[in-house]
Protein backbone atom coordinates (compact mmCIF):
# COMPACT_ATOMS: atom_id res chain seq x y z
CA MET A 1 0.00 0.00 0.00
CA VAL A 2 1.34 3.46 -0.88
CA ASP A 3 1.85 5.85 2.07
CA HIS A 4 0.69 9.06 0.37
CA GLY A 5 1.26 11.18 3.51
CA SER A 6 4.88 10.07 3.80
CA THR A 7 5.39 10.62 0.06
CA GLN A 8 4.05 14.17 0.29
CA ILE A 9 6.35 14.96 3.22
CA LYS A 10 9.34 13.71 1.24
CA GLN A 11 8.30 15.73 -1.80
CA LYS A 12 8.11 18.93 0.29
CA ALA A 13 11.40 18.30 2.09
CA LYS A 14 14.42 20.45 1.26
CA PRO A 15 17.52 18.68 -0.09
CA ILE A 16 20.37 18.12 2.36
CA SER A 17 22.50 20.51 0.29
CA GLU A 18 20.31 23.36 1.56
CA MET A 19 20.86 22.42 5.21
CA PRO A 20 22.88 25.07 7.11
CA SER A 21 26.59 24.31 7.51
CA PRO A 22 29.67 26.14 8.84
CA PRO A 23 32.29 27.22 6.27
CA ALA A 24 34.36 24.26 5.05
CA TRP A 25 37.82 23.69 3.56
CA PRO A 26 38.30 21.94 0.21
CA ILE A 27 38.74 18.15 0.70
CA LEU A 28 39.19 18.50 4.49
CA GLY A 29 35.71 19.94 4.98
CA ASN A 30 35.15 20.84 8.64
CA LEU A 31 37.92 18.57 9.94
CA PRO A 32 40.17 21.51 11.02
CA LEU A 33 37.27 22.92 13.06
CA VAL A 34 36.53 19.54 14.64
CA MET A 35 40.16 18.76 15.49
CA LYS A 36 40.65 22.23 16.97
CA ASN A 37 37.69 21.58 19.27
CA LYS A 38 38.04 17.81 19.76
CA LEU A 39 38.40 18.14 23.54
CA ARG A 40 35.26 20.34 23.68
CA MET A 41 33.11 18.72 21.02
CA ASP A 42 29.93 19.20 23.05
CA LYS A 43 30.56 22.94 23.37
CA MET A 44 31.46 23.20 19.67
CA PHE A 45 28.21 21.54 18.56
CA GLU A 46 26.25 23.71 21.00
CA ARG A 47 27.91 26.88 19.67
CA LEU A 48 27.19 25.85 16.07
CA ARG A 49 23.55 25.30 17.01
CA LYS A 50 23.28 28.94 18.03
CA GLU A 51 24.74 29.94 14.65
CA HIS A 52 22.94 27.49 12.35
CA GLY A 53 19.82 26.25 14.15
CA ASP A 54 18.43 22.97 15.48
CA ILE A 55 19.65 20.89 12.53
CA TYR A 56 22.79 21.46 10.49
CA ARG A 57 25.52 19.48 8.73
CA VAL A 58 29.28 19.23 8.90
CA TYR A 59 31.65 17.28 6.67
CA VAL A 60 34.65 15.29 7.92
CA PRO A 61 36.76 12.67 6.11
CA GLY A 62 36.07 9.17 7.37
CA GLN A 63 32.40 9.93 8.03
CA GLY A 64 31.37 12.18 5.14
CA THR A 65 28.42 14.47 5.70
CA MET A 66 27.23 14.39 9.31
CA VAL A 67 23.81 15.77 10.27
CA ILE A 68 23.65 17.11 13.84
CA LEU A 69 20.38 16.87 15.82
CA PHE A 70 19.23 18.41 19.12
CA ARG A 71 15.42 18.39 19.30
CA PRO A 72 13.79 15.35 20.96
CA GLU A 73 11.25 15.00 18.14
CA ASP A 74 14.04 14.82 15.54
CA ILE A 75 15.94 12.29 17.64
CA LYS A 76 12.79 10.18 17.92
CA THR A 77 12.40 10.21 14.14
CA LEU A 78 15.98 9.03 13.73
CA TYR A 79 15.69 6.12 16.16
CA SER A 80 12.18 5.07 15.11
CA ASN A 81 13.60 4.25 11.68
CA ASP A 82 16.17 1.75 12.94
CA GLY A 83 16.47 -1.39 10.83
CA LYS A 84 17.32 -4.92 11.95
CA ILE A 85 20.97 -3.95 12.50
CA PRO A 86 21.16 -0.26 13.52
CA LYS A 87 24.50 1.07 12.34
CA ILE A 88 26.66 3.03 14.78
CA PRO A 89 29.10 5.55 13.25
CA GLY A 90 32.61 4.65 14.35
CA PHE A 91 31.90 0.95 14.85
CA ASP A 92 33.07 0.31 11.29
CA MET A 93 36.62 1.08 12.46
CA TRP A 94 36.35 -1.36 15.39
CA GLU A 95 35.01 -4.03 13.07
CA PHE A 96 37.85 -3.36 10.62
CA ILE A 97 40.42 -3.66 13.42
CA ARG A 98 39.03 -6.96 14.66
CA LYS A 99 38.74 -8.47 11.17
CA THR A 100 42.20 -7.37 9.99
CA SER A 101 44.89 -6.20 12.40
CA LEU A 102 43.63 -8.35 15.30
CA LYS A 103 42.00 -11.19 13.35
CA ASP A 104 44.28 -13.74 15.04
CA ARG A 105 42.62 -12.86 18.36
CA TYR A 106 39.00 -12.15 17.35
CA THR A 107 37.06 -15.07 15.91
CA THR A 108 33.92 -12.95 16.38
CA THR A 109 33.70 -9.17 16.42
CA GLY A 110 31.26 -9.26 19.34
CA LEU A 111 28.91 -6.30 19.82
CA ILE A 112 31.13 -3.48 18.57
CA ASN A 113 30.35 -3.79 14.87
CA ASN A 114 27.65 -3.08 12.28
CA SER A 115 27.27 -6.55 10.77
CA GLN A 116 25.22 -9.71 11.15
CA ASP A 117 27.78 -10.75 13.77
CA TRP A 118 26.35 -8.09 16.12
CA TYR A 119 22.79 -9.36 15.64
CA GLU A 120 23.71 -12.97 16.36
CA VAL A 121 25.77 -12.16 19.45
CA ARG A 122 23.17 -9.73 20.83
CA HIS A 123 20.42 -12.30 20.32
CA LYS A 124 22.38 -14.85 22.36
CA VAL A 125 23.40 -12.62 25.27
CA GLN A 126 20.75 -9.93 25.72
CA GLN A 127 18.34 -11.93 27.87
CA ASP A 128 20.95 -12.78 30.50
CA MET A 129 22.52 -9.31 30.33
CA MET A 130 19.29 -7.32 30.61
CA ARG A 131 17.54 -9.43 33.27
CA PRO A 132 17.58 -7.52 36.62
CA LYS A 133 18.55 -10.64 38.59
CA SER A 134 21.73 -10.98 36.54
CA ALA A 135 23.15 -7.76 37.98
CA LEU A 136 21.70 -8.23 41.48
CA TYR A 137 23.54 -11.55 41.73
CA TYR A 138 26.70 -9.45 42.21
CA LEU A 139 25.31 -7.08 44.87
CA SER A 140 27.45 -8.48 47.68
CA GLU A 141 30.63 -8.47 45.58
CA MET A 142 29.95 -4.91 44.44
CA GLU A 143 29.50 -3.85 48.04
CA ASP A 144 32.85 -5.39 49.01
CA ILE A 145 34.54 -3.49 46.18
CA ALA A 146 32.85 -0.22 47.20
CA ILE A 147 33.97 -0.72 50.81
CA GLU A 148 37.52 -1.25 49.55
CA LEU A 149 37.20 2.02 47.63
CA ALA A 150 35.95 3.85 50.74
CA GLU A 151 38.89 2.50 52.74
CA LYS A 152 41.34 3.61 50.07
CA ILE A 153 39.84 7.11 50.08
CA GLU A 154 40.31 7.18 53.84
CA ASP A 155 43.95 6.16 53.44
CA VAL A 156 45.03 8.43 50.56
CA LYS A 157 43.15 11.71 51.16
CA ASP A 158 45.43 14.51 52.29
CA LYS A 159 45.72 15.94 55.82
CA ASP A 160 42.77 18.24 55.13
CA GLY A 161 40.65 15.32 53.95
CA ILE A 162 40.78 16.42 50.30
CA LEU A 163 41.08 14.07 47.34
CA ASP A 164 40.20 14.03 43.63
CA PRO A 165 38.42 10.63 43.36
CA THR A 166 38.50 10.39 39.55
CA ALA A 167 41.39 7.91 39.29
CA LEU A 168 40.02 5.83 42.16
CA VAL A 169 36.52 5.47 40.69
CA LEU A 170 38.07 4.28 37.43
CA GLU A 171 39.83 1.60 39.47
CA TYR A 172 36.52 0.79 41.14
CA ALA A 173 34.81 0.44 37.76
CA LEU A 174 37.54 -1.88 36.45
CA GLU A 175 37.40 -4.02 39.59
CA ALA A 176 33.62 -4.34 39.18
CA VAL A 177 33.87 -5.21 35.46
CA GLY A 178 36.52 -7.80 36.23
CA CYS A 179 34.39 -9.34 38.96
CA VAL A 180 31.38 -9.74 36.68
CA PHE A 181 32.82 -10.48 33.24
CA MET A 182 36.21 -12.02 34.00
CA GLY A 183 35.37 -13.83 37.20
CA ALA A 184 38.33 -12.28 39.00
CA ARG A 185 39.43 -9.49 41.31
CA LEU A 186 42.08 -7.77 39.23
CA GLY A 187 43.74 -5.73 41.99
CA ALA A 188 42.92 -2.36 40.41
CA LEU A 189 42.21 -0.64 43.73
CA LYS A 190 45.46 -1.99 45.10
CA GLY A 191 47.26 -0.38 42.15
CA ALA A 192 49.02 -3.59 41.24
CA GLY A 193 49.16 -6.42 38.74
CA ASP A 194 46.81 -6.77 35.80
CA GLY A 195 44.41 -4.19 37.20
CA LYS A 196 47.09 -1.50 37.08
CA ARG A 197 48.16 -2.52 33.56
CA LEU A 198 44.58 -2.46 32.26
CA ILE A 199 43.90 0.99 33.74
CA GLU A 200 47.05 2.40 32.13
CA ASN A 201 46.24 0.67 28.85
CA GLN A 202 42.64 1.89 28.77
CA THR A 203 43.63 5.46 29.61
CA LYS A 204 46.03 5.56 26.67
CA SER A 205 43.53 3.86 24.33
CA MET A 206 40.67 6.22 25.07
CA ALA A 207 42.88 9.28 24.65
CA ILE A 208 43.36 8.45 20.95
CA ALA A 209 40.22 6.44 20.12
CA LEU A 210 38.17 9.46 19.00
CA ASP A 211 40.84 10.35 16.41
CA LEU A 212 40.14 7.03 14.65
CA PHE A 213 36.56 8.17 14.05
CA PHE A 214 37.86 10.58 11.41
CA ILE A 215 40.31 8.25 9.65
CA PRO A 216 39.14 6.21 6.62
CA THR A 217 39.80 2.48 7.08
CA SER A 218 41.64 2.41 3.75
CA ILE A 219 44.55 4.44 5.13
CA ALA A 220 44.26 3.65 8.87
CA PRO A 221 46.94 0.88 8.98
CA TYR A 222 49.55 3.40 7.83
CA ILE A 223 48.75 5.98 10.53
CA PRO A 224 50.93 5.95 13.73
CA THR A 225 47.88 6.58 15.95
CA TYR A 226 46.21 3.46 14.55
CA LYS A 227 49.32 1.33 15.10
CA LYS A 228 49.57 2.49 18.71
CA PHE A 229 45.88 1.74 19.27
CA ILE A 230 46.35 -1.80 17.92
CA GLU A 231 49.21 -2.32 20.36
CA TYR A 232 47.04 -1.27 23.30
CA GLN A 233 44.09 -3.38 22.14
CA GLY A 234 46.22 -6.47 21.70
CA GLU A 235 47.66 -6.19 25.21
CA ALA A 236 44.22 -5.67 26.76
CA PHE A 237 42.86 -8.70 24.90
CA ASP A 238 45.68 -10.94 26.16
CA ILE A 239 45.22 -9.87 29.79
CA CYS A 240 41.45 -10.40 29.66
CA LYS A 241 41.75 -13.74 27.90
CA LYS A 242 43.95 -15.09 30.68
CA HIS A 243 41.35 -14.30 33.34
CA VAL A 244 38.29 -15.40 31.34
CA ASP A 245 39.96 -18.71 30.45
CA GLU A 246 40.71 -19.30 34.14
CA ALA A 247 37.12 -18.48 35.11
CA ILE A 248 35.66 -20.82 32.48
CA ALA A 249 37.98 -23.63 33.59
CA LYS A 250 36.63 -23.33 37.16
CA LEU A 251 32.93 -23.29 36.24
CA LYS A 252 30.53 -25.68 37.97
CA ASP A 253 27.16 -26.83 36.70
CA ASP A 254 25.22 -24.83 39.30
CA ASP A 255 27.09 -21.55 38.80
CA ASP A 256 24.80 -18.59 38.20
CA THR A 257 27.45 -16.07 37.17
CA VAL A 258 27.25 -14.10 33.93
CA ILE A 259 30.18 -16.09 32.53
CA ALA A 260 28.45 -19.39 33.40
CA LYS A 261 25.21 -18.26 31.71
CA LEU A 262 27.08 -17.18 28.58
CA VAL A 263 28.97 -20.47 28.42
CA ARG A 264 25.75 -22.47 28.82
CA LYS A 265 24.04 -20.38 26.12
CA CYS A 266 26.93 -20.24 23.63
CA GLY A 267 28.99 -23.35 24.40
CA LYS A 268 32.30 -23.85 26.21
CA ASP A 269 34.33 -23.42 23.03
CA SER A 270 32.52 -20.23 21.99
CA ALA A 271 34.54 -17.01 21.84
CA ILE A 272 31.50 -14.96 22.92
CA PRO A 273 32.11 -15.06 26.73
CA LEU A 274 35.64 -13.80 26.16
CA ILE A 275 34.61 -11.10 23.68
CA MET A 276 31.84 -9.93 26.05
CA GLY A 277 34.51 -9.50 28.71
CA ILE A 278 36.67 -7.52 26.29
CA ASP A 279 33.74 -5.35 25.20
CA ALA A 280 32.76 -4.72 28.82
CA LEU A 281 36.32 -3.55 29.41
CA GLN A 282 36.31 -1.36 26.28
CA VAL A 283 33.08 0.48 27.03
CA GLY A 284 32.44 -0.10 30.74
CA ILE A 285 35.43 1.24 32.63
CA ASP A 286 35.63 4.83 31.42
CA THR A 287 31.88 5.29 31.04
CA THR A 288 31.06 4.05 34.55
CA GLY A 289 34.18 5.65 36.01
CA SER A 290 33.46 9.09 34.59
CA SER A 291 29.78 8.80 35.57
CA ALA A 292 30.89 7.97 39.12
CA ALA A 293 33.22 10.98 39.24
CA PHE A 294 30.48 13.33 38.00
CA LEU A 295 28.01 11.79 40.46
CA LEU A 296 30.30 12.37 43.46
CA TYR A 297 30.90 15.94 42.26
CA HIS A 298 27.16 16.64 42.09
CA LEU A 299 26.54 15.20 45.55
CA ALA A 300 29.49 17.08 47.07
CA ASP A 301 28.41 20.33 45.39
CA ASN A 302 24.80 20.00 46.58
CA LEU A 303 24.93 19.26 50.29
CA ASP A 304 21.17 19.54 50.76
CA LYS A 305 20.59 16.79 48.18
CA GLN A 306 23.38 14.69 49.68
CA GLU A 307 21.70 14.97 53.07
CA LEU A 308 18.35 13.81 51.64
CA LEU A 309 20.16 10.83 50.13
CA TYR A 310 21.84 10.06 53.47
CA GLN A 311 18.47 10.13 55.22
CA GLU A 312 17.03 7.70 52.67
CA ILE A 313 20.00 5.38 53.18
CA CYS A 314 19.62 5.52 56.96
CA ASN A 315 15.89 4.86 56.72
CA SER A 316 16.45 1.91 54.35
CA ILE A 317 19.48 0.06 55.76
CA GLY A 318 20.82 2.25 58.58
CA PRO A 319 24.07 4.29 58.75
CA ASN A 320 26.23 1.16 58.70
CA GLY A 321 23.94 -1.44 57.16
CA LYS A 322 24.56 -3.72 54.21
CA MET A 323 22.85 -3.39 50.87
CA THR A 324 19.97 -5.75 50.14
CA GLU A 325 17.89 -6.35 47.06
CA SER A 326 14.78 -5.29 48.96
CA ALA A 327 16.32 -2.03 50.18
CA LEU A 328 17.65 -1.23 46.73
CA GLY A 329 14.14 -1.48 45.30
CA LYS A 330 12.88 1.16 47.74
CA MET A 331 15.64 3.76 47.35
CA LYS A 332 13.98 6.12 44.87
CA TYR A 333 16.02 9.20 45.75
CA MET A 334 19.29 7.37 45.22
CA LYS A 335 18.19 6.32 41.74
CA ALA A 336 16.99 9.85 41.00
CA CYS A 337 20.42 11.22 41.96
CA GLN A 338 22.07 8.92 39.42
CA ILE A 339 19.65 9.89 36.63
CA GLU A 340 19.99 13.62 37.33
CA SER A 341 23.79 13.53 37.42
CA HIS A 342 23.81 11.59 34.15
CA ARG A 343 21.45 14.16 32.62
CA ILE A 344 23.69 17.13 33.43
CA LEU A 345 27.04 15.50 32.65
CA PRO A 346 26.57 12.34 30.54
CA ALA A 347 29.58 10.09 30.02
CA ILE A 348 28.97 10.11 26.26
CA PHE A 349 28.13 13.56 24.87
CA GLY A 350 26.39 12.15 21.79
CA SER A 351 25.55 9.09 19.76
CA GLY A 352 24.13 8.43 16.35
CA ARG A 353 23.25 6.24 13.42
CA ARG A 354 24.25 5.70 9.83
CA THR A 355 20.81 5.75 8.26
CA ASP A 356 19.36 2.55 6.78
CA THR A 357 16.83 4.36 4.62
CA ASP A 358 16.02 7.77 3.20
CA LEU A 359 14.58 9.98 5.96
CA VAL A 360 12.97 13.36 6.40
CA ILE A 361 14.11 15.05 9.60
CA GLY A 362 13.51 18.68 10.48
CA GLY A 363 12.14 19.33 7.01
CA TYR A 364 15.24 18.05 5.18
CA ALA A 365 15.64 14.94 3.02
CA ILE A 366 18.47 12.86 4.46
CA PRO A 367 19.77 10.16 2.10
CA LYS A 368 20.33 6.57 3.12
CA GLY A 369 23.86 6.03 4.45
CA THR A 370 24.20 9.48 6.06
CA THR A 371 25.80 9.77 9.51
CA VAL A 372 23.34 11.45 11.88
CA VAL A 373 24.53 12.51 15.33
CA ARG A 374 22.38 13.13 18.41
CA CYS A 375 24.06 15.80 20.54
CA GLY A 376 22.64 14.36 23.75
CA SER A 377 24.48 16.54 26.26
CA THR A 378 22.84 19.63 24.75
CA SER A 379 19.39 18.02 24.49
CA SER A 380 19.44 16.92 28.13
CA ASN A 381 20.45 20.44 29.26
CA ASP A 382 17.99 22.33 27.09
CA PRO A 383 15.70 24.68 29.09
CA ALA A 384 12.96 23.85 26.58
CA SER A 385 12.87 20.40 28.16
CA PHE A 386 14.15 20.90 31.71
CA ALA A 387 13.59 23.97 33.87
CA ASP A 388 16.83 25.34 35.34
CA PRO A 389 18.77 22.62 33.52
CA GLU A 390 22.12 23.46 35.13
CA GLN A 391 20.68 22.79 38.61
CA PHE A 392 21.05 19.34 40.25
CA ILE A 393 17.43 18.51 41.11
CA PRO A 394 16.91 14.74 41.61
CA GLU A 395 13.25 15.43 42.41
CA ARG A 396 12.69 15.84 38.64
CA TRP A 397 12.67 12.06 38.40
CA ILE A 398 10.34 11.23 41.31
CA ARG A 399 6.65 10.84 40.59
CA GLY A 400 4.45 13.15 42.65
CA CYS A 401 7.14 15.76 43.29
CA PRO A 402 6.31 19.35 42.26
CA GLU A 403 9.61 19.46 40.39
CA ARG A 404 8.72 16.39 38.31
CA HIS A 405 9.67 17.05 34.68
CA ASN A 406 7.36 16.74 31.68
CA ALA A 407 10.08 16.48 29.03
CA ASP A 408 9.88 14.28 25.95
CA SER A 409 11.48 10.91 26.75
CA PHE A 410 13.97 11.44 23.91
CA ALA A 411 15.37 14.56 25.59
CA ASN A 412 17.46 12.41 27.92
CA ILE A 413 18.60 8.97 26.74
CA PRO A 414 22.15 8.58 28.12
CA TRP A 415 22.04 4.78 27.74
CA GLY A 416 21.00 4.94 24.09
CA HIS A 417 17.79 3.60 22.64
CA GLY A 418 16.33 0.46 21.14
CA ALA A 419 18.32 -2.59 20.15
CA ARG A 420 21.57 -0.62 20.45
CA ALA A 421 20.91 0.60 23.99
CA CYS A 422 23.74 -0.16 26.42
CA ILE A 423 23.51 -3.89 27.09
CA GLY A 424 25.47 -3.57 30.35
CA GLN A 425 23.42 -0.73 31.83
CA ARG A 426 21.95 -2.80 34.67
CA PHE A 427 25.46 -3.63 35.88
CA ALA A 428 26.67 -0.04 35.47
CA LYS A 429 23.69 1.34 37.41
CA LEU A 430 24.26 -1.17 40.21
CA GLU A 431 27.92 -0.11 40.44
CA LEU A 432 26.84 3.53 40.78
CA TYR A 433 24.10 2.78 43.34
CA VAL A 434 26.42 0.78 45.57
CA LEU A 435 29.17 3.39 45.24
CA MET A 436 26.77 6.13 46.37
CA VAL A 437 25.47 4.20 49.35
CA LYS A 438 28.83 3.08 50.70
CA LEU A 439 30.54 6.47 50.31
CA VAL A 440 27.62 8.54 51.64
CA GLN A 441 27.30 6.15 54.59
CA ARG A 442 30.93 6.78 55.50
CA PHE A 443 31.60 10.36 54.41
CA ARG A 444 30.06 13.78 54.19
CA MET A 445 31.48 15.09 50.92
CA GLU A 446 32.05 18.79 50.20
CA TYR A 447 33.16 20.52 47.00
CA THR A 448 33.88 24.25 46.87
CA GLY A 449 35.83 24.53 43.61
CA ASP A 450 34.88 25.88 40.20
CA LYS A 451 32.09 24.39 38.10
CA VAL A 452 33.11 21.06 36.55
CA GLU A 453 32.48 20.49 32.86
CA THR A 454 33.72 17.89 30.38
CA VAL A 455 36.68 17.07 28.21
CA THR A 456 35.42 15.04 25.26
CA HIS A 457 37.56 12.04 24.54
CA LEU A 458 35.59 9.04 23.24
CA VAL A 459 34.20 9.12 26.78
CA SER A 460 33.74 12.51 28.46
CA MET A 461 35.90 13.10 31.53
CA PRO A 462 36.02 15.95 34.09
CA ASP A 463 37.78 19.05 32.74
CA LYS A 464 39.49 19.77 36.05
CA PRO A 465 40.39 18.01 39.31
CA ILE A 466 37.32 17.33 41.47
CA ASN A 467 38.92 18.09 44.82
CA ILE A 468 36.35 16.81 47.29
CA LYS A 469 36.70 17.05 51.05
CA PHE A 470 35.80 13.68 52.57
CA ILE A 471 34.66 14.12 56.17
CA LYS A 472 34.09 10.91 58.11
CA ARG A 473 30.59 10.71 59.57
């Protein structure tokens, strides 16, 4: 049946060539502008919005024409047209790396690709990964890791009680990822062994990963940055493989760990459990670590909200109590704090798609195969969606509160959307919940420094030290 309404909309749409765009260089397009602002990409896109409107285009080698979106309704249109295998810009490079330079290690490309391989792996693992019980199984282990973090903060803060926790929460995130997906405590919080090596490796990898987004795969193997990235990736793979192999060798029939479930689903000889561990490392450490750093900053900078959280913790499990599944289900303010922090300072400033079909967005015809980017950090801080968006107001997310928001659901989607939504989000949220509870139980946290914003690597990180005063309760 012919959709006459859709056809008329397409006929009235302006061609993409008429879409506003900043001045471009021959061949290089807007690459000089992007590279000049690569550590402040969110601010650059926001500034260009003021100059060119709610939808505009830029051109960079490696991606071609990129359409930039901000309005929730435009973002909804983009995601509602996902096909069977939604294509993520940038994943083509990861797929290329795993099928060429690291093909001796990767017998499957896992979830970081745009091929049928992604669909098959996701189909096998999503049920176990997305089920709430799968994450809650690790509640006790997460609590032990968070207590170790709290003790390390106590030990290493200076004589005035001040410490920037950013490096420590990255260690916490790695220790949690290792516990779940590699079946091992890696020693990250002790600053030793494989945990220390993986932290160093990941820090160096993420510092250059965004550059690969703008390099065509045809010339990538000849670029020094690419070669260095391959070196880091190979080392990380080998470390993870050692621990996953050991965990699989120790499995028992009644094990209910994530690794055990993946092995039962995929087979003992399958590479999927290993690749899931690698992918969790690739995308889970910096994203959860930076989210944790921003979360502690927001709590320390808003003492009234921190006190409300402390009261909820005391009412649920007491000032020294242990986390339970039942208590976790009742702690609405704690969950609201995590959502609100993620809204203001998301770990990933944007995401996108390479379109599977011709689309009309914002009145423009966007051809199939175009890279379309959602500038999420701007959307989630837009006063059109959230009143006083720069203010940390967890009550926005609690039903019945006067401050409850009425924003479009697509104004704030830090975990992504649809089939490509973060598959490990239940584990990441649990890490952040437990971190909050254990640190707020032990410390009153105060921050009196300048406003913290982001530096945009592949994952956004704090743009300055978050020097928090940790006062023992």
